[in-house]
Protein backbone atom coordinates (compact mmCIF):
# COMPACT_ATOMS: atom_id res chain seq x y z
CA MET A 1 93.27 79.83 98.43
CA THR A 2 95.60 78.34 101.25
CA GLU A 3 98.35 80.80 102.42
CA PRO A 4 102.06 80.19 101.74
CA ARG A 5 104.14 78.56 104.78
CA ILE A 6 106.82 81.53 105.21
CA GLN A 7 109.33 81.20 107.72
CA ILE A 8 111.71 84.20 108.40
CA GLY A 9 114.80 83.33 110.93
CA ASP A 10 113.01 80.73 113.34
CA HIS A 11 109.64 82.18 113.31
CA VAL A 12 106.85 80.98 111.07
CA LEU A 13 104.29 83.55 110.19
CA THR A 14 100.56 82.81 110.97
CA ASP A 15 98.38 82.79 107.54
CA ALA A 16 97.02 86.22 108.04
CA GLN A 17 100.58 87.34 108.31
CA ALA A 18 101.13 85.44 105.43
CA MET A 19 98.60 86.26 103.33
CA ALA A 20 99.46 90.35 104.05
CA VAL A 21 102.84 89.30 102.83
CA ARG A 22 101.64 87.86 99.49
CA VAL A 23 98.70 90.87 98.77
CA ALA A 24 101.98 93.48 99.75
CA VAL A 25 103.95 91.31 96.83
CA SER A 26 101.30 91.18 94.43
CA THR A 27 101.05 95.66 94.94
CA PHE A 28 104.21 96.16 94.43
CA HIS A 29 104.10 93.30 91.26
CA ILE A 30 101.64 95.35 90.04
CA GLU A 31 103.04 99.19 90.93
CA CYS A 32 106.23 97.80 88.38
CA VAL A 33 103.85 98.32 85.17
CA ASP A 34 102.74 101.48 86.24
CA ASP A 35 104.18 104.33 84.32
CA GLY A 36 104.05 106.72 86.37
CA PHE A 37 105.56 104.45 89.19
CA ARG A 38 108.68 103.11 86.74
CA GLU A 39 109.44 106.76 85.97
CA GLU A 40 109.84 107.88 89.59
CA VAL A 41 111.60 104.57 90.89
CA GLY A 42 113.91 104.13 87.27
CA PRO A 43 114.97 100.80 85.62
CA ILE A 44 115.12 99.21 88.84
CA ALA A 45 111.44 98.59 88.55
CA ASP A 46 112.22 96.08 85.88
CA ALA A 47 114.49 93.65 88.73
CA TYR A 48 111.55 94.65 90.66
CA HIS A 49 108.99 92.83 88.87
CA ALA A 50 110.76 89.92 87.83
CA ARG A 51 111.94 89.45 91.31
CA LEU A 52 108.02 89.37 92.78
CA GLY A 53 107.25 87.87 89.65
CA GLU A 54 109.52 84.53 90.96
CA VAL A 55 108.14 85.18 94.53
CA LEU A 56 105.04 84.93 94.33
CA THR A 57 105.45 82.11 91.25
CA ILE A 58 107.15 80.55 94.58
CA MET A 59 103.63 81.06 96.80
CA ILE A 60 101.06 79.95 94.51
CA ALA A 61 102.92 76.01 94.28
CA ALA A 62 103.95 76.01 97.80
CA PRO A 63 101.99 73.24 99.58
CA PRO A 64 99.81 73.72 101.77
CA ARG A 65 100.56 74.57 104.88
CA SER A 66 100.83 72.07 107.76
């Protein structure tokens, strides 16, 4: 998998940094469906799960870095 191009302000992340962000987003997305996590975080877990799903869709669909 080619990592997405992620830019924060004027700084474009390296492939390794983009991979770390993608893995962090993926992991948190998965945690949002865990019953213990949901109990601890509360109703905001649904919103986190939805928004992170949107971000993952964008990351996966992103064109290769140039």
